[in-house]
Amino acid sequence: MSVTPVRGAPTPFLRSIVTATSLALMLAAPLAACSVSPRQDARALRRQASPANSILALTNRIRSRGCDANAGAAPPLRRESRLDRAAERLASGATLEQATKAMGYRAAKSLSLEISGDLSEATLGRMLATRFCAQLRDPALRDLGIYVQGTHLWMLAAAPFATAELADPQRVAERVLDLINRARATGHRCGGKLFGPARPLQPSAQLREAALAHSRDMAAHSYLEHIGRDGSTPGQRVAHTGYIWRAVGENIAAGPSSAQDAVDGWLASPEHCANIMTAAFSDTGIAYAVDPKSRMGVYWTEDFAAPRQRSSRRGTSSRSRHLQQ
């Protein structure tokens, strides 16, 4: 039996920090297992195809029992009619992204399996438990769609897109700032470079204004770039708010649905991490925009800067720096 990856959603830009993921796999049973004897009656064939509710129960048993020595139950999946129809579209050749989008289901994470051959409960149970236990037990997954056609089965499990943790922009911004300042307080390794402790960043209303404008524009037009659609650079957007800077930088991301996810992603990227840890920056503005119709759902911007007049008072260099990640 072979396992062949099937193309899912397009890979996001490297500079994006994305929690939305997709995985599509196709299982093909040996040809002998796909054959049906002429003497098999219709009732036996229906039993072999395994009804959708039985497949749901089988999958939830796997989620409740764990994988090998890994204990702990994952919450049961629930049937989702939109994912049933999306699974049927997969059977017609649609990609994972196309299928869920057509049904109006926005997934933060999704997994699809295509299985052909012996679909009896015993065989299917062994196959799912031995090959895909870890994937099917992902606690983030909540919904399941099933489509059976003859001896072919398509399963689509997903985590629905949700932004409950982003309900309060001020609180989210404070949480991001707290997480970033914790990293600055202790020092952090960004790739191969070790940054020592740095003073905490201070919130700036002007920098937040620049960050919010860019996040909203990215969300409205489904793009992830430092150069705005009007051709503006991070430095120009910050200057437009009246902030006179000597050094400026910017981190952007698309997809994270919590402050923790956004910061974790940035700290895991050497370039984004370096912006966070740069001691020359003193101020920051953090903002995000949510648009369920956009490609990634949530778009984040954090602008970093140091004012020109502050650096002059301290007697440090007034040479401008412009960093963007």
Protein backbone atom coordinates (compact mmCIF):
# COMPACT_ATOMS: atom_id res chain seq x y z
CA MET A 1 0.00 0.00 0.00
CA SER A 2 1.44 3.36 -0.98
CA VAL A 3 0.89 6.81 0.43
CA THR A 4 1.07 9.73 -1.99
CA PRO A 5 0.94 13.40 -0.96
CA VAL A 6 -1.66 15.46 -2.75
CA ARG A 7 -1.26 19.20 -3.20
CA GLY A 8 -3.28 21.22 -0.72
CA ALA A 9 -3.38 24.97 -0.09
CA PRO A 10 -0.59 27.14 -1.60
CA THR A 11 2.47 27.56 0.59
CA PRO A 12 2.41 30.95 2.35
CA PHE A 13 5.21 33.48 1.93
CA LEU A 14 8.24 32.79 4.11
CA ARG A 15 7.85 36.08 5.92
CA SER A 16 4.35 35.19 7.01
CA ILE A 17 3.88 33.38 10.29
CA VAL A 18 0.93 31.16 9.60
CA THR A 19 -1.03 28.81 11.81
CA ALA A 20 -3.35 27.76 9.05
CA THR A 21 -2.08 24.47 7.70
CA SER A 22 -3.39 21.78 5.41
CA LEU A 23 -2.43 18.21 4.68
CA ALA A 24 -3.87 15.99 2.00
CA LEU A 25 -2.93 12.34 1.65
CA MET A 26 -4.12 9.59 -0.62
CA LEU A 27 -4.03 5.93 0.34
CA ALA A 28 -4.28 3.29 -2.35
CA ALA A 29 -4.89 -0.30 -1.30
CA PRO A 30 -3.47 -3.23 -3.31
CA LEU A 31 -5.38 -3.88 -6.51
CA ALA A 32 -6.61 -7.17 -5.14
CA ALA A 33 -8.28 -5.37 -2.29
CA CYS A 34 -10.11 -3.13 -4.72
CA SER A 35 -11.71 -5.93 -6.66
CA VAL A 36 -15.28 -7.00 -6.01
CA SER A 37 -16.40 -10.52 -6.79
CA PRO A 38 -19.47 -10.73 -9.04
CA ARG A 39 -21.01 -12.96 -6.36
CA GLN A 40 -20.92 -10.16 -3.77
CA ASP A 41 -24.42 -8.88 -3.26
CA ALA A 42 -25.33 -5.20 -2.86
CA ARG A 43 -25.77 -5.54 0.89
CA ALA A 44 -22.25 -6.85 1.37
CA LEU A 45 -20.83 -4.06 -0.79
CA ARG A 46 -22.63 -1.45 1.28
CA ARG A 47 -21.19 -2.99 4.44
CA GLN A 48 -17.72 -2.82 2.88
CA ALA A 49 -18.17 0.87 2.03
CA SER A 50 -18.71 1.62 5.73
CA PRO A 51 -21.46 4.21 6.40
CA ALA A 52 -20.39 7.73 7.26
CA ASN A 53 -21.63 7.51 10.84
CA SER A 54 -19.58 4.37 11.40
CA ILE A 55 -16.52 6.13 10.02
CA LEU A 56 -17.15 9.03 12.40
CA ALA A 57 -17.45 6.64 15.35
CA LEU A 58 -14.29 4.83 14.27
CA THR A 59 -12.34 8.08 14.02
CA ASN A 60 -13.53 9.21 17.44
CA ARG A 61 -12.47 5.90 18.99
CA ILE A 62 -8.99 6.55 17.66
CA ARG A 63 -9.07 10.08 19.12
CA SER A 64 -10.18 8.77 22.52
CA ARG A 65 -7.63 5.94 22.80
CA GLY A 66 -4.44 7.72 21.77
CA CYS A 67 -1.50 6.48 19.73
CA ASP A 68 0.71 3.72 21.09
CA ALA A 69 1.95 4.92 24.49
CA ASN A 70 0.56 8.43 24.09
CA ALA A 71 -2.30 8.69 26.54
CA GLY A 72 -4.91 11.38 26.72
CA ALA A 73 -8.08 11.79 24.73
CA ALA A 74 -8.73 14.39 22.04
CA PRO A 75 -12.26 15.83 21.90
CA PRO A 76 -14.58 13.97 19.54
CA LEU A 77 -15.09 15.25 16.03
CA ARG A 78 -18.56 16.25 14.90
CA ARG A 79 -20.11 15.81 11.46
CA GLU A 80 -20.20 19.06 9.50
CA SER A 81 -22.46 19.10 6.44
CA ARG A 82 -20.34 21.73 4.68
CA LEU A 83 -17.31 19.49 5.01
CA ASP A 84 -19.35 16.55 3.67
CA ARG A 85 -20.01 18.59 0.54
CA ALA A 86 -16.39 19.76 0.47
CA ALA A 87 -15.24 16.12 0.61
CA GLU A 88 -17.47 15.42 -2.38
CA ARG A 89 -15.74 18.25 -4.23
CA LEU A 90 -12.39 16.66 -3.38
CA ALA A 91 -13.68 13.54 -5.11
CA SER A 92 -14.33 15.68 -8.21
CA GLY A 93 -10.73 16.88 -8.29
CA ALA A 94 -10.88 20.13 -6.31
CA THR A 95 -7.98 21.08 -4.06
CA LEU A 96 -8.42 21.19 -0.31
CA GLU A 97 -8.48 24.98 -0.33
CA GLN A 98 -10.93 25.16 -3.23
CA ALA A 99 -13.28 22.62 -1.65
CA THR A 100 -13.57 24.34 1.73
CA LYS A 101 -13.79 27.82 0.24
CA ALA A 102 -16.60 26.80 -2.12
CA MET A 103 -18.63 25.60 0.86
CA GLY A 104 -18.04 28.79 2.84
CA TYR A 105 -16.04 26.96 5.52
CA ARG A 106 -12.93 28.82 6.64
CA ALA A 107 -10.44 26.44 8.19
CA ALA A 108 -7.61 27.41 10.50
CA LYS A 109 -6.20 23.90 9.97
CA SER A 110 -7.36 21.06 7.77
CA LEU A 111 -6.53 17.46 6.95
CA SER A 112 -7.89 15.38 4.09
CA LEU A 113 -7.51 11.68 3.44
CA GLU A 114 -8.39 9.79 0.29
CA ILE A 115 -8.62 6.03 0.75
CA SER A 116 -9.38 3.46 -1.91
CA GLY A 117 -9.83 -0.27 -1.58
CA ASP A 118 -11.17 -2.33 1.28
CA LEU A 119 -13.33 -0.01 3.37
CA SER A 120 -14.52 -2.60 5.86
CA GLU A 121 -14.50 -1.32 9.43
CA ALA A 122 -11.70 -3.65 10.51
CA THR A 123 -9.38 -2.75 7.61
CA LEU A 124 -10.16 0.95 7.75
CA GLY A 125 -9.68 1.03 11.51
CA ARG A 126 -6.23 -0.58 11.27
CA MET A 127 -5.21 1.77 8.46
CA LEU A 128 -6.23 4.94 10.28
CA ALA A 129 -4.86 3.82 13.64
CA THR A 130 -1.46 2.77 12.31
CA ARG A 131 -0.81 5.42 9.67
CA PHE A 132 -2.73 8.51 10.67
CA CYS A 133 -3.37 8.30 14.40
CA ALA A 134 -1.25 11.34 15.26
CA GLN A 135 -2.82 13.50 12.55
CA LEU A 136 -6.38 12.45 13.38
CA ARG A 137 -5.80 13.07 17.09
CA ASP A 138 -4.78 16.69 16.61
CA PRO A 139 -6.82 18.38 19.38
CA ALA A 140 -7.27 21.49 17.22
CA LEU A 141 -9.47 19.55 14.78
CA ARG A 142 -13.16 19.85 15.52
CA ASP A 143 -15.24 19.00 12.42
CA LEU A 144 -15.34 16.07 10.00
CA GLY A 145 -16.73 15.64 6.51
CA ILE A 146 -17.11 12.25 4.80
CA TYR A 147 -17.89 11.22 1.25
CA VAL A 148 -17.99 7.62 0.01
CA GLN A 149 -18.22 6.61 -3.63
CA GLY A 150 -17.96 2.89 -4.33
CA THR A 151 -14.69 1.70 -2.86
CA HIS A 152 -13.32 5.22 -2.44
CA LEU A 153 -13.51 7.29 0.72
CA TRP A 154 -12.70 10.96 1.22
CA MET A 155 -12.38 12.35 4.77
CA LEU A 156 -11.89 16.02 5.56
CA ALA A 157 -11.17 17.06 9.16
CA ALA A 158 -10.76 20.71 10.06
CA ALA A 159 -10.43 23.29 12.80
CA PRO A 160 -12.84 26.16 12.15
CA PHE A 161 -11.39 29.62 11.82
CA ALA A 162 -12.03 31.48 15.07
CA THR A 163 -10.86 34.82 16.43
CA ALA A 164 -12.37 34.79 19.91
CA GLU A 165 -8.98 35.67 21.40
CA LEU A 166 -8.83 38.77 19.22
CA ALA A 167 -12.04 40.36 20.48
CA ASP A 168 -10.25 43.12 22.41
CA PRO A 169 -7.55 44.85 20.29
CA GLN A 170 -6.17 46.84 23.22
CA ARG A 171 -5.77 43.76 25.39
CA VAL A 172 -4.19 41.81 22.52
CA ALA A 173 -1.70 44.60 21.86
CA GLU A 174 -0.80 44.70 25.55
CA ARG A 175 -0.29 40.94 25.53
CA VAL A 176 2.00 41.10 22.49
CA LEU A 177 4.00 43.89 24.10
CA ASP A 178 4.31 41.94 27.35
CA LEU A 179 5.57 38.82 25.55
CA ILE A 180 8.06 40.82 23.51
CA ASN A 181 9.38 42.72 26.50
CA ARG A 182 9.85 39.46 28.38
CA ALA A 183 12.11 38.27 25.57
CA ARG A 184 14.00 41.59 25.59
CA ALA A 185 14.43 41.44 29.37
CA THR A 186 16.22 38.10 29.34
CA GLY A 187 17.94 38.18 25.95
CA HIS A 188 17.21 35.83 23.10
CA ARG A 189 18.98 33.84 20.40
CA CYS A 190 17.76 34.77 16.93
CA GLY A 191 19.06 32.10 14.60
CA GLY A 192 22.82 32.12 14.97
CA LYS A 193 23.01 35.48 16.76
CA LEU A 194 22.63 35.93 20.51
CA PHE A 195 21.05 39.20 21.61
CA GLY A 196 21.61 40.39 25.16
CA PRO A 197 18.95 41.98 27.35
CA ALA A 198 17.42 45.22 26.08
CA ARG A 199 15.24 47.88 27.63
CA PRO A 200 11.48 47.35 27.28
CA LEU A 201 9.70 48.85 24.31
CA GLN A 202 7.14 51.56 25.01
CA PRO A 203 3.74 51.67 23.27
CA SER A 204 3.33 54.48 20.75
CA ALA A 205 -0.07 55.65 19.49
CA GLN A 206 1.55 56.94 16.29
CA LEU A 207 3.25 53.65 15.55
CA ARG A 208 0.02 51.79 16.26
CA GLU A 209 -1.77 54.07 13.79
CA ALA A 210 0.75 53.14 11.09
CA ALA A 211 0.54 49.43 11.97
CA LEU A 212 -3.26 49.40 11.94
CA ALA A 213 -3.49 51.12 8.57
CA HIS A 214 -1.16 48.57 7.01
CA SER A 215 -2.87 45.57 8.63
CA ARG A 216 -6.25 46.76 7.39
CA ASP A 217 -4.98 47.26 3.87
CA MET A 218 -3.38 43.79 3.79
CA ALA A 219 -6.57 42.19 5.11
CA ALA A 220 -8.82 44.06 2.68
CA HIS A 221 -6.74 43.02 -0.31
CA SER A 222 -5.31 39.65 0.83
CA TYR A 223 -1.61 40.36 0.47
CA LEU A 224 1.41 40.15 2.76
CA GLU A 225 4.06 42.71 1.85
CA HIS A 226 5.96 45.51 3.53
CA ILE A 227 5.37 47.71 0.50
CA GLY A 228 1.80 48.96 0.63
CA ARG A 229 -0.50 48.95 -2.36
CA ASP A 230 0.10 52.71 -2.62
CA GLY A 231 3.86 52.09 -2.80
CA SER A 232 4.51 53.19 0.78
CA THR A 233 7.37 51.77 2.83
CA PRO A 234 7.25 51.17 6.61
CA GLY A 235 9.32 54.31 7.18
CA GLN A 236 6.97 56.41 5.07
CA ARG A 237 3.88 55.10 6.85
CA VAL A 238 5.43 55.83 10.25
CA ALA A 239 6.50 59.33 9.14
CA HIS A 240 2.99 59.99 7.85
CA THR A 241 1.70 59.78 11.45
CA GLY A 242 4.07 62.58 12.49
CA TYR A 243 6.59 60.31 14.22
CA ILE A 244 10.10 61.58 13.38
CA TRP A 245 12.31 58.53 13.42
CA ARG A 246 16.00 57.76 13.24
CA ALA A 247 15.46 53.99 13.12
CA VAL A 248 12.40 52.06 12.06
CA GLY A 249 11.54 48.41 11.49
CA GLU A 250 8.50 46.30 10.81
CA ASN A 251 7.29 42.74 11.36
CA ILE A 252 4.22 41.42 9.56
CA ALA A 253 2.39 38.11 9.69
CA ALA A 254 -0.77 36.50 8.38
CA GLY A 255 -2.77 33.74 9.99
CA PRO A 256 -2.09 33.73 13.77
CA SER A 257 -5.30 33.95 15.77
CA SER A 258 -3.75 34.88 19.13
CA ALA A 259 -1.05 37.13 20.54
CA GLN A 260 0.94 34.09 21.65
CA ASP A 261 0.92 32.54 18.18
CA ALA A 262 2.02 35.80 16.56
CA VAL A 263 4.93 36.35 18.94
CA ASP A 264 6.00 32.70 18.91
CA GLY A 265 6.16 32.83 15.13
CA TRP A 266 8.18 36.01 15.06
CA LEU A 267 10.64 34.81 17.70
CA ALA A 268 11.14 31.58 15.75
CA SER A 269 12.20 33.55 12.66
CA PRO A 270 15.75 34.96 12.91
CA GLU A 271 14.93 38.16 10.99
CA HIS A 272 11.70 38.93 12.85
CA CYS A 273 13.35 38.02 16.13
CA ALA A 274 16.21 40.44 15.43
CA ASN A 275 13.74 43.31 15.03
CA ILE A 276 12.17 42.42 18.38
CA MET A 277 15.53 42.25 20.13
CA THR A 278 17.23 45.28 18.54
CA ALA A 279 18.27 47.53 21.43
CA ALA A 280 18.17 50.65 19.24
CA PHE A 281 14.38 50.50 19.09
CA SER A 282 12.55 52.17 21.96
CA ASP A 283 8.93 52.38 20.79
CA THR A 284 6.46 50.04 19.14
CA GLY A 285 2.95 49.94 17.72
CA ILE A 286 1.01 46.68 17.37
CA ALA A 287 -2.19 46.12 15.41
CA TYR A 288 -4.06 43.45 13.48
CA ALA A 289 -7.06 43.27 11.17
CA VAL A 290 -9.53 40.40 10.81
CA ASP A 291 -11.36 39.72 7.56
CA PRO A 292 -12.87 36.22 7.18
CA LYS A 293 -13.14 36.78 3.43
CA SER A 294 -9.40 37.36 3.06
CA ARG A 295 -6.95 34.62 2.16
CA MET A 296 -5.37 34.27 5.63
CA GLY A 297 -8.12 35.72 7.82
CA VAL A 298 -5.91 37.76 10.19
CA TYR A 299 -3.11 40.17 9.27
CA TRP A 300 -0.62 41.54 11.80
CA THR A 301 1.79 44.46 11.78
CA GLU A 302 4.24 45.56 14.44
CA ASP A 303 6.22 48.72 13.81
CA PHE A 304 9.38 49.46 15.77
CA ALA A 305 11.13 52.83 15.94
CA ALA A 306 13.40 55.19 17.81
CA PRO A 307 12.73 58.93 17.60
CA ARG A 308 15.38 61.20 16.17
CA GLN A 309 15.14 63.77 18.95
CA ARG A 310 15.53 61.16 21.70
CA SER A 311 18.74 59.79 20.18
CA SER A 312 20.14 63.33 19.89
CA ARG A 313 19.59 64.02 23.59
CA ARG A 314 21.46 60.85 24.47
CA GLY A 315 24.37 61.78 22.22
CA THR A 316 24.10 58.72 20.04
CA SER A 317 24.31 58.59 16.28
CA SER A 318 21.45 60.20 14.36
CA ARG A 319 22.00 58.07 11.26
CA SER A 320 18.72 56.61 10.04
CA ARG A 321 18.18 52.87 9.98
CA HIS A 322 15.30 51.15 8.25
CA LEU A 323 14.71 47.47 8.93
CA GLN A 324 11.83 45.40 7.71
CA GLN A 325 11.14 41.68 8.03
